[in-house]
């Protein structure tokens, strides 16, 4: 598997000759001026959003986006760095940072809670705040947090989830569940000593009938 992967990567990087234009000082300065003029031409949007569609790319940090951008460019016969992802052309973009409260390298349970609920929390916990102790059911009550789905329902909107992973996986689960341990996706994954906890699948089906 590894040799095949290595050969595939080399074919992308070196297999196709790259035709480059002359990139002198005027090339770069004109490009920068065109970009500035385009940004300055945007009119301020004062409309109220009718609906919200939130795309959450799990693990999609700057390094991942950079690698994807280069790969996209190489597939198009370029050197790579000059390519652009579609969302980089949006008129308004920004950076955010998110993290767990108890470890420096975050996991997708705590960070999804930050994305979807606006609250930082411990690694491995879903839809709860920092008062919860990991894997301790007795600490969940009173620590549950609401999500963008709850806020939208309160405004009379319909809500739904679309995911490329399990719907009970940590990232989508943060939108509707409250669990002190992300791996408790079904009843068979619950530790028999953890009385009082309901698994994530149960919460989706029984506690969230409004999710379409």
N, C-alpha and C. Protein backbone atom coordinates (compact mmCIF):
# COMPACT_ATOMS: atom_id res chain seq x y z
N UNK A 1 0.83 -1.21 0.00
CA UNK A 1 0.00 0.00 0.00
C UNK A 1 0.86 1.25 0.00
N UNK A 2 1.92 1.23 0.82
CA UNK A 2 2.77 2.42 0.91
C UNK A 2 3.50 2.72 -0.40
N UNK A 3 4.12 1.70 -1.06
CA UNK A 3 4.79 2.00 -2.35
C UNK A 3 3.83 2.58 -3.37
N UNK A 4 2.60 2.03 -3.41
CA UNK A 4 1.61 2.55 -4.37
C UNK A 4 1.30 4.01 -4.09
N UNK A 5 1.12 4.33 -2.79
CA UNK A 5 0.83 5.71 -2.41
C UNK A 5 1.99 6.61 -2.78
N UNK A 6 3.22 6.14 -2.53
CA UNK A 6 4.39 6.95 -2.83
C UNK A 6 4.49 7.23 -4.33
N UNK A 7 4.25 6.20 -5.13
CA UNK A 7 4.32 6.37 -6.58
C UNK A 7 3.23 7.33 -7.05
N UNK A 8 2.05 7.21 -6.46
CA UNK A 8 0.95 8.10 -6.85
C UNK A 8 1.28 9.55 -6.55
N UNK A 9 1.88 9.80 -5.38
CA UNK A 9 2.23 11.16 -5.02
C UNK A 9 3.31 11.71 -5.95
N UNK A 10 4.28 10.86 -6.27
CA UNK A 10 5.35 11.31 -7.16
C UNK A 10 4.81 11.62 -8.55
N UNK A 11 3.83 10.84 -9.01
CA UNK A 11 3.29 11.10 -10.34
C UNK A 11 2.57 12.43 -10.39
N UNK A 12 1.93 12.81 -9.28
CA UNK A 12 1.26 14.10 -9.23
C UNK A 12 2.28 15.23 -9.21
N UNK A 13 3.35 15.04 -8.44
CA UNK A 13 4.31 16.11 -8.26
C UNK A 13 5.23 16.27 -9.46
N UNK A 14 5.65 15.14 -10.05
CA UNK A 14 6.68 15.21 -11.09
C UNK A 14 6.22 14.69 -12.45
N UNK A 15 5.04 14.05 -12.50
CA UNK A 15 4.66 13.38 -13.72
C UNK A 15 4.25 14.31 -14.85
N UNK A 16 3.68 15.45 -14.52
CA UNK A 16 3.20 16.37 -15.55
C UNK A 16 4.07 17.61 -15.61
N UNK A 17 4.58 17.95 -16.77
CA UNK A 17 5.40 19.17 -16.86
C UNK A 17 4.55 20.41 -16.60
N UNK A 18 5.13 21.38 -15.91
CA UNK A 18 4.43 22.61 -15.57
C UNK A 18 4.89 23.73 -16.48
N UNK A 19 3.93 24.37 -17.14
CA UNK A 19 4.23 25.51 -17.99
C UNK A 19 4.05 26.79 -17.18
N UNK A 20 5.13 27.53 -16.99
CA UNK A 20 5.07 28.73 -16.16
C UNK A 20 5.15 29.98 -17.02
N UNK A 21 4.40 30.99 -16.65
CA UNK A 21 4.50 32.28 -17.29
C UNK A 21 5.62 33.08 -16.61
N UNK A 22 6.03 34.16 -17.26
CA UNK A 22 7.05 35.02 -16.67
C UNK A 22 6.43 35.80 -15.51
N UNK A 23 6.97 35.63 -14.33
CA UNK A 23 6.40 36.25 -13.14
C UNK A 23 7.35 37.33 -12.63
N UNK A 24 7.40 38.44 -13.36
CA UNK A 24 8.28 39.53 -12.97
C UNK A 24 7.58 40.40 -11.93
N UNK A 25 8.21 41.51 -11.57
CA UNK A 25 7.66 42.38 -10.53
C UNK A 25 6.28 42.90 -10.91
N UNK A 26 6.09 43.27 -12.16
CA UNK A 26 4.79 43.80 -12.60
C UNK A 26 3.69 42.75 -12.50
N UNK A 27 4.04 41.50 -12.74
CA UNK A 27 3.06 40.41 -12.65
C UNK A 27 2.45 40.36 -11.26
N UNK A 28 3.31 40.40 -10.24
CA UNK A 28 2.83 40.28 -8.87
C UNK A 28 2.13 41.55 -8.40
N UNK A 29 2.65 42.70 -8.80
CA UNK A 29 2.03 43.95 -8.36
C UNK A 29 0.67 44.16 -9.01
N UNK A 30 0.55 43.79 -10.27
CA UNK A 30 -0.75 43.89 -10.93
C UNK A 30 -1.76 42.93 -10.32
N UNK A 31 -1.28 41.74 -9.98
CA UNK A 31 -2.16 40.75 -9.34
C UNK A 31 -2.66 41.26 -8.00
N UNK A 32 -1.77 41.84 -7.21
CA UNK A 32 -2.16 42.39 -5.91
C UNK A 32 -3.15 43.54 -6.06
N UNK A 33 -2.91 44.42 -7.06
CA UNK A 33 -3.80 45.55 -7.26
C UNK A 33 -5.19 45.10 -7.70
N UNK A 34 -5.22 44.09 -8.55
CA UNK A 34 -6.51 43.55 -9.00
C UNK A 34 -7.29 42.97 -7.82
N UNK A 35 -6.58 42.26 -6.95
CA UNK A 35 -7.22 41.66 -5.79
C UNK A 35 -7.75 42.72 -4.84
N UNK A 36 -6.96 43.76 -4.61
CA UNK A 36 -7.40 44.86 -3.74
C UNK A 36 -8.62 45.56 -4.32
N UNK A 37 -8.60 45.83 -5.61
CA UNK A 37 -9.73 46.50 -6.25
C UNK A 37 -11.00 45.66 -6.14
N UNK A 38 -10.85 44.35 -6.29
CA UNK A 38 -12.02 43.47 -6.18
C UNK A 38 -12.58 43.50 -4.76
N UNK A 39 -11.70 43.47 -3.76
CA UNK A 39 -12.16 43.49 -2.37
C UNK A 39 -12.84 44.82 -2.03
N UNK A 40 -12.31 45.89 -2.52
CA UNK A 40 -12.86 47.21 -2.23
C UNK A 40 -14.19 47.44 -2.94
N UNK A 41 -14.46 46.67 -3.97
CA UNK A 41 -15.70 46.86 -4.73
C UNK A 41 -16.90 46.18 -4.08
N UNK A 42 -16.65 45.32 -3.09
CA UNK A 42 -17.76 44.63 -2.44
C UNK A 42 -18.64 45.62 -1.68
N UNK A 43 -19.93 45.49 -1.86
CA UNK A 43 -20.87 46.32 -1.14
C UNK A 43 -21.20 45.68 0.20
N UNK A 44 -21.35 46.48 1.22
CA UNK A 44 -21.67 45.95 2.53
C UNK A 44 -23.05 45.31 2.51
N UNK A 45 -23.11 44.09 3.03
CA UNK A 45 -24.36 43.35 3.07
C UNK A 45 -25.06 43.63 4.39
N UNK A 46 -26.19 44.31 4.33
CA UNK A 46 -26.94 44.64 5.55
C UNK A 46 -28.22 43.81 5.68
N UNK A 47 -28.35 42.81 4.81
CA UNK A 47 -29.55 41.96 4.85
C UNK A 47 -29.47 40.97 6.02
N UNK A 48 -30.61 40.59 6.54
CA UNK A 48 -30.66 39.55 7.57
C UNK A 48 -30.69 38.18 6.89
N UNK A 49 -29.88 37.27 7.40
CA UNK A 49 -29.83 35.94 6.80
C UNK A 49 -31.15 35.21 7.03
N UNK A 50 -31.67 34.62 5.97
CA UNK A 50 -32.92 33.86 6.08
C UNK A 50 -32.65 32.48 6.65
N UNK A 51 -31.56 31.87 6.21
CA UNK A 51 -31.19 30.53 6.66
C UNK A 51 -29.68 30.48 6.89
N UNK A 52 -29.24 29.46 7.61
CA UNK A 52 -27.82 29.26 7.87
C UNK A 52 -27.46 27.82 7.51
N UNK A 53 -26.44 27.67 6.69
CA UNK A 53 -25.87 26.35 6.40
C UNK A 53 -24.43 26.38 6.87
N UNK A 54 -24.11 25.56 7.84
CA UNK A 54 -22.77 25.57 8.42
C UNK A 54 -22.00 24.34 7.96
N UNK A 55 -20.88 24.57 7.27
CA UNK A 55 -20.00 23.49 6.84
C UNK A 55 -18.86 23.38 7.84
N UNK A 56 -18.68 22.20 8.39
CA UNK A 56 -17.63 21.99 9.38
C UNK A 56 -16.67 20.93 8.85
N UNK A 57 -15.48 21.35 8.46
CA UNK A 57 -14.46 20.42 7.99
C UNK A 57 -13.61 19.95 9.16
N UNK A 58 -13.81 18.73 9.60
CA UNK A 58 -13.11 18.22 10.77
C UNK A 58 -11.60 18.18 10.51
N UNK A 59 -10.83 18.86 11.36
CA UNK A 59 -9.38 18.88 11.20
C UNK A 59 -8.89 19.80 10.11
N UNK A 60 -9.73 20.70 9.65
CA UNK A 60 -9.40 21.53 8.49
C UNK A 60 -8.70 22.81 8.92
N UNK A 61 -7.48 22.66 9.41
CA UNK A 61 -6.68 23.80 9.80
C UNK A 61 -5.90 24.37 8.63
N UNK A 62 -5.06 25.34 8.92
CA UNK A 62 -4.31 26.03 7.86
C UNK A 62 -3.43 25.06 7.09
N UNK A 63 -2.75 24.16 7.78
CA UNK A 63 -1.84 23.22 7.10
C UNK A 63 -2.59 22.28 6.17
N UNK A 64 -3.78 21.84 6.59
CA UNK A 64 -4.59 20.95 5.74
C UNK A 64 -5.08 21.69 4.51
N UNK A 65 -5.53 22.91 4.68
CA UNK A 65 -6.01 23.71 3.55
C UNK A 65 -4.85 23.99 2.58
N UNK A 66 -3.68 24.28 3.11
CA UNK A 66 -2.51 24.53 2.27
C UNK A 66 -2.18 23.30 1.43
N UNK A 67 -2.18 22.13 2.05
CA UNK A 67 -1.89 20.89 1.32
C UNK A 67 -2.93 20.64 0.24
N UNK A 68 -4.20 20.89 0.55
CA UNK A 68 -5.26 20.69 -0.44
C UNK A 68 -5.13 21.67 -1.60
N UNK A 69 -4.77 22.91 -1.28
CA UNK A 69 -4.59 23.92 -2.32
C UNK A 69 -3.48 23.53 -3.28
N UNK A 70 -2.34 23.08 -2.72
CA UNK A 70 -1.21 22.68 -3.56
C UNK A 70 -1.57 21.48 -4.42
N UNK A 71 -2.24 20.52 -3.82
CA UNK A 71 -2.65 19.32 -4.55
C UNK A 71 -3.60 19.67 -5.69
N UNK A 72 -4.55 20.57 -5.41
CA UNK A 72 -5.49 21.01 -6.45
C UNK A 72 -4.74 21.65 -7.61
N UNK A 73 -3.78 22.52 -7.30
CA UNK A 73 -3.01 23.17 -8.35
C UNK A 73 -2.20 22.19 -9.18
N UNK A 74 -1.60 21.19 -8.51
CA UNK A 74 -0.80 20.21 -9.24
C UNK A 74 -1.66 19.35 -10.14
N UNK A 75 -2.86 19.03 -9.71
CA UNK A 75 -3.77 18.27 -10.57
C UNK A 75 -4.14 19.04 -11.82
N UNK A 76 -4.08 20.38 -11.74
CA UNK A 76 -4.39 21.24 -12.88
C UNK A 76 -3.15 21.65 -13.66
N UNK A 77 -2.03 20.96 -13.42
CA UNK A 77 -0.81 21.23 -14.17
C UNK A 77 -0.05 22.44 -13.71
N UNK A 78 -0.34 22.94 -12.52
CA UNK A 78 0.38 24.09 -11.98
C UNK A 78 1.41 23.60 -10.96
N UNK A 79 2.18 24.54 -10.44
CA UNK A 79 3.12 24.15 -9.39
C UNK A 79 2.39 23.89 -8.08
N UNK A 80 1.23 24.52 -7.89
CA UNK A 80 0.38 24.21 -6.75
C UNK A 80 0.03 25.38 -5.87
N UNK A 81 1.04 26.14 -5.44
CA UNK A 81 0.78 27.20 -4.46
C UNK A 81 -0.11 28.31 -4.99
N UNK A 82 -0.14 28.48 -6.30
CA UNK A 82 -0.92 29.58 -6.86
C UNK A 82 -2.40 29.26 -6.99
N UNK A 83 -2.79 28.03 -6.72
CA UNK A 83 -4.20 27.64 -6.81
C UNK A 83 -5.00 28.28 -5.67
N UNK A 84 -6.32 28.27 -5.83
CA UNK A 84 -7.21 28.80 -4.81
C UNK A 84 -8.34 27.81 -4.56
N UNK A 85 -8.69 27.65 -3.29
CA UNK A 85 -9.89 26.89 -2.96
C UNK A 85 -11.10 27.79 -3.18
N UNK A 86 -12.24 27.19 -3.46
CA UNK A 86 -13.43 27.98 -3.77
C UNK A 86 -13.79 28.93 -2.64
N UNK A 87 -13.72 28.46 -1.40
CA UNK A 87 -14.14 29.30 -0.27
C UNK A 87 -13.16 30.45 -0.02
N UNK A 88 -11.95 30.36 -0.58
CA UNK A 88 -11.01 31.47 -0.44
C UNK A 88 -11.40 32.67 -1.29
N UNK A 89 -12.35 32.48 -2.19
CA UNK A 89 -12.82 33.56 -3.04
C UNK A 89 -14.07 34.23 -2.47
N UNK A 90 -14.54 33.76 -1.33
CA UNK A 90 -15.71 34.39 -0.71
C UNK A 90 -15.39 35.85 -0.40
N UNK A 91 -16.37 36.73 -0.47
CA UNK A 91 -16.11 38.16 -0.20
C UNK A 91 -15.68 38.43 1.24
N UNK A 92 -16.14 37.62 2.17
CA UNK A 92 -15.78 37.84 3.58
C UNK A 92 -15.36 36.52 4.20
N UNK A 93 -14.17 36.48 4.71
CA UNK A 93 -13.65 35.29 5.38
C UNK A 93 -12.91 35.72 6.64
N UNK A 94 -12.63 34.77 7.50
CA UNK A 94 -11.88 35.08 8.72
C UNK A 94 -11.33 33.80 9.33
N UNK A 95 -10.50 33.96 10.33
CA UNK A 95 -9.94 32.82 11.04
C UNK A 95 -10.56 32.73 12.42
N UNK A 96 -10.73 31.51 12.90
CA UNK A 96 -11.09 31.30 14.28
C UNK A 96 -10.15 30.27 14.87
N UNK A 97 -10.03 30.26 16.17
CA UNK A 97 -9.25 29.21 16.83
C UNK A 97 -10.15 28.55 17.86
N UNK A 98 -9.98 27.25 18.02
CA UNK A 98 -10.74 26.54 19.04
C UNK A 98 -9.84 25.48 19.64
N UNK A 99 -10.15 25.10 20.87
CA UNK A 99 -9.27 24.21 21.61
C UNK A 99 -10.03 23.57 22.76
N UNK A 100 -9.45 22.54 23.35
CA UNK A 100 -10.01 21.95 24.56
C UNK A 100 -9.51 22.70 25.78
N UNK A 101 -10.25 22.59 26.87
CA UNK A 101 -9.85 23.29 28.09
C UNK A 101 -8.81 22.52 28.89
N UNK A 102 -8.60 21.24 28.52
CA UNK A 102 -7.70 20.42 29.33
C UNK A 102 -6.54 19.80 28.57
N UNK A 103 -6.42 20.08 27.27
CA UNK A 103 -5.25 19.58 26.54
C UNK A 103 -4.98 20.48 25.35
N UNK A 104 -3.70 20.50 24.96
CA UNK A 104 -3.28 21.47 23.95
C UNK A 104 -3.65 21.05 22.54
N UNK A 105 -3.54 19.77 22.23
CA UNK A 105 -3.95 19.26 20.92
C UNK A 105 -5.40 18.79 21.04
N UNK A 106 -6.33 19.46 20.40
CA UNK A 106 -7.75 19.20 20.65
C UNK A 106 -8.28 17.98 19.90
N UNK A 107 -9.42 17.50 20.34
CA UNK A 107 -10.12 16.44 19.64
C UNK A 107 -11.42 17.00 19.07
N UNK A 108 -12.08 16.21 18.24
CA UNK A 108 -13.24 16.73 17.52
C UNK A 108 -14.49 16.81 18.38
N UNK A 109 -14.51 16.16 19.54
CA UNK A 109 -15.68 16.27 20.41
C UNK A 109 -15.74 17.65 21.06
N UNK A 110 -14.65 18.03 21.72
CA UNK A 110 -14.60 19.34 22.36
C UNK A 110 -14.65 20.49 21.37
N UNK A 111 -13.97 20.33 20.22
CA UNK A 111 -13.95 21.42 19.25
C UNK A 111 -15.28 21.55 18.52
N UNK A 112 -15.96 20.43 18.28
CA UNK A 112 -17.30 20.51 17.68
C UNK A 112 -18.27 21.20 18.63
N UNK A 113 -18.11 20.95 19.92
CA UNK A 113 -18.92 21.65 20.91
C UNK A 113 -18.66 23.15 20.84
N UNK A 114 -17.40 23.52 20.64
CA UNK A 114 -17.07 24.94 20.49
C UNK A 114 -17.68 25.52 19.22
N UNK A 115 -17.56 24.81 18.11
CA UNK A 115 -18.12 25.28 16.84
C UNK A 115 -19.64 25.43 16.89
N UNK A 116 -20.29 24.40 17.40
CA UNK A 116 -21.75 24.31 17.29
C UNK A 116 -22.49 24.89 18.48
N UNK A 117 -21.82 24.98 19.63
CA UNK A 117 -22.48 25.45 20.84
C UNK A 117 -21.86 26.74 21.39
N UNK A 118 -20.69 27.12 20.91
CA UNK A 118 -20.05 28.35 21.36
C UNK A 118 -19.45 28.24 22.74
N UNK A 119 -19.13 27.02 23.17
CA UNK A 119 -18.62 26.80 24.52
C UNK A 119 -17.41 25.88 24.46
N UNK A 120 -16.31 26.28 25.09
CA UNK A 120 -15.13 25.41 25.18
C UNK A 120 -15.36 24.35 26.24
N UNK A 121 -14.80 23.16 26.03
CA UNK A 121 -15.02 22.05 26.97
C UNK A 121 -13.83 21.10 26.93
N UNK A 122 -13.91 20.09 27.76
CA UNK A 122 -12.84 19.10 27.86
C UNK A 122 -12.81 18.19 26.64
N UNK A 123 -11.64 17.65 26.35
CA UNK A 123 -11.51 16.68 25.27
C UNK A 123 -12.37 15.46 25.55
N UNK A 124 -13.00 14.94 24.51
CA UNK A 124 -13.78 13.72 24.65
C UNK A 124 -15.18 13.91 25.14
N UNK A 125 -15.58 15.15 25.46
CA UNK A 125 -16.94 15.41 25.93
C UNK A 125 -17.74 16.12 24.84
N UNK A 126 -19.03 15.88 24.83
CA UNK A 126 -19.89 16.35 23.74
C UNK A 126 -21.08 17.12 24.28
N UNK A 127 -21.25 18.36 23.83
CA UNK A 127 -22.45 19.13 24.17
C UNK A 127 -22.58 19.49 25.63
N UNK A 128 -21.46 19.61 26.31
CA UNK A 128 -21.46 19.97 27.74
C UNK A 128 -20.35 20.99 27.99
N UNK A 129 -20.42 21.68 29.13
CA UNK A 129 -19.39 22.66 29.43
C UNK A 129 -18.28 22.03 30.29
N UNK A 130 -17.38 22.88 30.76
CA UNK A 130 -16.17 22.40 31.42
C UNK A 130 -16.42 21.82 32.82
N UNK A 131 -17.65 21.94 33.34
CA UNK A 131 -17.95 21.36 34.64
C UNK A 131 -18.01 19.84 34.62
N UNK A 132 -18.19 19.28 33.43
CA UNK A 132 -18.31 17.83 33.32
C UNK A 132 -16.95 17.16 33.49
N UNK A 133 -16.94 16.07 34.22
CA UNK A 133 -15.75 15.23 34.33
C UNK A 133 -15.84 14.13 33.29
N UNK A 134 -14.75 13.92 32.58
CA UNK A 134 -14.75 12.93 31.51
C UNK A 134 -15.19 11.56 32.04
N UNK A 135 -16.15 10.96 31.35
CA UNK A 135 -16.63 9.61 31.62
C UNK A 135 -17.39 9.50 32.94
N UNK A 136 -17.88 10.63 33.46
CA UNK A 136 -18.60 10.62 34.73
C UNK A 136 -20.03 11.12 34.49
N UNK A 137 -20.97 10.20 34.49
CA UNK A 137 -22.37 10.55 34.19
C UNK A 137 -22.97 11.51 35.20
N UNK A 138 -22.57 11.39 36.44
CA UNK A 138 -23.20 12.18 37.49
C UNK A 138 -22.91 13.67 37.37
N UNK A 139 -21.95 14.05 36.51
CA UNK A 139 -21.60 15.47 36.38
C UNK A 139 -22.27 16.14 35.19
N UNK A 140 -23.07 15.40 34.43
CA UNK A 140 -23.67 15.96 33.21
C UNK A 140 -24.84 16.89 33.52
N UNK A 141 -25.68 16.52 34.47
CA UNK A 141 -26.87 17.31 34.73
C UNK A 141 -26.50 18.74 35.14
N UNK A 142 -27.08 19.69 34.43
CA UNK A 142 -26.80 21.09 34.68
C UNK A 142 -25.65 21.65 33.86
N UNK A 143 -24.91 20.76 33.20
CA UNK A 143 -23.78 21.20 32.38
C UNK A 143 -24.09 21.14 30.88
N UNK A 144 -25.31 20.74 30.54
CA UNK A 144 -25.69 20.65 29.13
C UNK A 144 -25.70 22.04 28.48
N UNK A 145 -25.27 22.13 27.23
CA UNK A 145 -25.28 23.40 26.51
C UNK A 145 -26.15 23.27 25.26
N UNK A 146 -26.73 24.38 24.84
CA UNK A 146 -27.55 24.39 23.63
C UNK A 146 -26.67 24.62 22.40
N UNK A 147 -27.20 24.27 21.24
CA UNK A 147 -26.43 24.38 20.00
C UNK A 147 -27.15 25.24 18.98
N UNK A 148 -26.53 25.40 17.84
CA UNK A 148 -27.12 26.18 16.75
C UNK A 148 -28.43 25.56 16.30
N UNK A 149 -28.60 24.25 16.47
CA UNK A 149 -29.88 23.63 16.14
C UNK A 149 -30.98 24.10 17.09
N UNK A 150 -30.65 24.17 18.36
CA UNK A 150 -31.64 24.64 19.34
C UNK A 150 -32.02 26.10 19.07
N UNK A 151 -31.01 26.90 18.78
CA UNK A 151 -31.29 28.33 18.54
C UNK A 151 -32.15 28.51 17.30
N UNK A 152 -31.89 27.70 16.28
CA UNK A 152 -32.68 27.80 15.04
C UNK A 152 -34.11 27.34 15.27
N UNK A 153 -34.28 26.26 16.02
CA UNK A 153 -35.64 25.79 16.33
C UNK A 153 -36.41 26.84 17.11
N UNK A 154 -35.73 27.54 18.00
CA UNK A 154 -36.39 28.59 18.78
C UNK A 154 -36.85 29.74 17.89
N UNK A 155 -36.23 29.89 16.71
CA UNK A 155 -36.63 30.93 15.76
C UNK A 155 -37.66 30.42 14.76
N UNK A 156 -38.13 29.20 14.99
CA UNK A 156 -39.16 28.64 14.11
C UNK A 156 -38.63 28.04 12.83
N UNK A 157 -37.34 27.74 12.77
CA UNK A 157 -36.74 27.18 11.56
C UNK A 157 -36.68 25.65 11.64
N UNK A 158 -36.57 25.03 10.48
CA UNK A 158 -36.32 23.60 10.41
C UNK A 158 -34.82 23.36 10.52
N UNK A 159 -34.43 22.22 11.08
CA UNK A 159 -33.01 21.92 11.24
C UNK A 159 -32.74 20.50 10.78
N UNK A 160 -31.50 20.27 10.37
CA UNK A 160 -31.10 18.93 9.94
C UNK A 160 -29.60 18.77 9.99
N UNK A 161 -29.16 17.54 9.81
CA UNK A 161 -27.74 17.20 9.82
C UNK A 161 -27.42 16.38 8.59
N UNK A 162 -26.30 16.69 7.96
CA UNK A 162 -25.76 15.87 6.87
C UNK A 162 -24.30 15.62 7.21
N UNK A 163 -23.86 14.37 7.20
CA UNK A 163 -22.49 14.08 7.59
C UNK A 163 -21.91 12.95 6.76
N UNK A 164 -20.61 12.98 6.56
CA UNK A 164 -19.92 11.91 5.86
C UNK A 164 -19.41 10.84 6.83
N UNK A 165 -19.64 11.04 8.11
CA UNK A 165 -19.27 10.04 9.11
C UNK A 165 -20.54 9.52 9.78
N UNK A 166 -20.41 8.75 10.83
CA UNK A 166 -21.59 8.29 11.56
C UNK A 166 -22.30 9.50 12.16
N UNK A 167 -23.62 9.46 12.17
CA UNK A 167 -24.38 10.59 12.71
C UNK A 167 -24.21 10.68 14.22
N UNK A 168 -23.74 9.60 14.84
CA UNK A 168 -23.45 9.60 16.27
C UNK A 168 -21.99 9.92 16.57
N UNK A 169 -21.22 10.17 15.54
CA UNK A 169 -19.81 10.53 15.73
C UNK A 169 -19.71 11.86 16.47
N UNK A 170 -18.57 12.12 17.09
CA UNK A 170 -18.42 13.29 17.96
C UNK A 170 -18.79 14.60 17.28
N UNK A 171 -18.36 14.79 16.03
CA UNK A 171 -18.59 16.09 15.39
C UNK A 171 -20.07 16.40 15.19
N UNK A 172 -20.85 15.53 14.54
CA UNK A 172 -22.29 15.84 14.44
C UNK A 172 -23.02 15.72 15.78
N UNK A 173 -22.54 14.85 16.67
CA UNK A 173 -23.23 14.63 17.94
C UNK A 173 -23.27 15.89 18.79
N UNK A 174 -22.27 16.75 18.66
CA UNK A 174 -22.24 17.97 19.47
C UNK A 174 -23.42 18.88 19.17
N UNK A 175 -24.09 18.67 18.06
CA UNK A 175 -25.23 19.51 17.70
C UNK A 175 -26.49 19.14 18.47
N UNK A 176 -26.51 17.93 19.05
CA UNK A 176 -27.78 17.51 19.67
C UNK A 176 -27.62 16.72 20.97
N UNK A 177 -26.43 16.17 21.24
CA UNK A 177 -26.27 15.27 22.39
C UNK A 177 -25.49 15.92 23.52
N UNK A 178 -25.59 15.31 24.69
CA UNK A 178 -24.85 15.76 25.87
C UNK A 178 -24.25 14.51 26.52
N UNK A 179 -22.96 14.33 26.35
CA UNK A 179 -22.33 13.10 26.81
C UNK A 179 -20.95 13.40 27.40
N UNK A 180 -20.61 12.73 28.50
CA UNK A 180 -19.30 12.94 29.09
C UNK A 180 -18.21 12.11 28.42
N UNK A 181 -18.60 11.33 27.43
CA UNK A 181 -17.62 10.50 26.72
C UNK A 181 -18.09 10.27 25.29
N UNK A 182 -17.30 10.69 24.35
CA UNK A 182 -17.69 10.67 22.94
C UNK A 182 -17.92 9.27 22.38
N UNK A 183 -17.28 8.26 22.97
CA UNK A 183 -17.37 6.90 22.43
C UNK A 183 -18.66 6.20 22.81
N UNK A 184 -19.48 6.82 23.67
CA UNK A 184 -20.74 6.19 24.06
C UNK A 184 -21.81 6.48 23.00
N UNK A 185 -21.59 5.92 21.81
CA UNK A 185 -22.48 6.20 20.69
C UNK A 185 -23.74 5.33 20.73
N UNK A 186 -23.64 4.13 21.25
CA UNK A 186 -24.79 3.23 21.35
C UNK A 186 -24.81 2.55 22.69
N UNK A 187 -25.91 1.87 23.00
CA UNK A 187 -26.03 1.28 24.33
C UNK A 187 -24.97 0.23 24.62
N UNK A 188 -24.48 -0.44 23.59
CA UNK A 188 -23.46 -1.46 23.80
C UNK A 188 -22.10 -0.87 24.15
N UNK A 189 -21.92 0.43 23.90
CA UNK A 189 -20.63 1.05 24.20
C UNK A 189 -20.60 1.65 25.60
N UNK A 190 -21.75 1.67 26.29
CA UNK A 190 -21.80 2.21 27.64
C UNK A 190 -21.20 1.24 28.65
N UNK A 191 -20.40 1.79 29.54
CA UNK A 191 -19.87 1.00 30.64
C UNK A 191 -21.02 0.68 31.60
N UNK A 192 -21.11 -0.56 32.04
CA UNK A 192 -22.22 -0.97 32.89
C UNK A 192 -22.24 -0.24 34.22
N UNK A 193 -21.09 0.34 34.60
CA UNK A 193 -21.04 1.07 35.87
C UNK A 193 -21.58 2.49 35.75
N UNK A 194 -21.78 2.95 34.51
CA UNK A 194 -22.20 4.33 34.30
C UNK A 194 -23.72 4.43 34.25
N UNK A 195 -24.34 4.29 35.38
CA UNK A 195 -25.79 4.38 35.46
C UNK A 195 -26.23 5.83 35.36
N UNK A 196 -27.34 6.05 34.66
CA UNK A 196 -27.85 7.41 34.52
C UNK A 196 -27.49 8.07 33.23
N UNK A 197 -26.58 7.48 32.44
CA UNK A 197 -26.22 8.05 31.14
C UNK A 197 -27.08 7.41 30.05
N UNK A 198 -27.47 8.19 29.07
CA UNK A 198 -28.09 7.66 27.86
C UNK A 198 -27.12 7.83 26.72
N UNK A 199 -27.05 6.84 25.86
CA UNK A 199 -26.09 6.91 24.76
C UNK A 199 -26.51 7.95 23.72
N UNK A 200 -25.57 8.27 22.86
CA UNK A 200 -25.78 9.36 21.89
C UNK A 200 -26.88 9.02 20.89
N UNK A 201 -26.93 7.78 20.42
CA UNK A 201 -27.97 7.38 19.48
C UNK A 201 -29.36 7.52 20.10
N UNK A 202 -29.49 7.12 21.35
CA UNK A 202 -30.76 7.25 22.06
C UNK A 202 -31.18 8.72 22.13
N UNK A 203 -30.23 9.59 22.45
CA UNK A 203 -30.54 11.02 22.55
C UNK A 203 -30.99 11.58 21.21
N UNK A 204 -30.37 11.13 20.12
CA UNK A 204 -30.76 11.61 18.80
C UNK A 204 -32.21 11.22 18.48
N UNK A 205 -32.56 9.97 18.74
CA UNK A 205 -33.87 9.46 18.35
C UNK A 205 -34.96 9.88 19.32
N UNK A 206 -34.69 9.78 20.62
CA UNK A 206 -35.73 10.00 21.62
C UNK A 206 -35.84 11.45 22.07
N UNK A 207 -34.71 12.16 22.14
CA UNK A 207 -34.72 13.51 22.71
C UNK A 207 -34.75 14.61 21.66
N UNK A 208 -34.59 14.27 20.39
CA UNK A 208 -34.49 15.31 19.36
C UNK A 208 -35.41 15.00 18.17
N UNK A 209 -36.70 14.90 18.38
CA UNK A 209 -37.61 14.57 17.28
C UNK A 209 -37.71 15.66 16.22
N UNK A 210 -37.27 16.87 16.54
CA UNK A 210 -37.39 17.97 15.58
C UNK A 210 -36.27 18.00 14.55
N UNK A 211 -35.22 17.22 14.75
CA UNK A 211 -34.13 17.19 13.76
C UNK A 211 -34.60 16.41 12.55
N UNK A 212 -34.56 17.06 11.40
CA UNK A 212 -35.05 16.43 10.18
C UNK A 212 -33.94 15.83 9.34
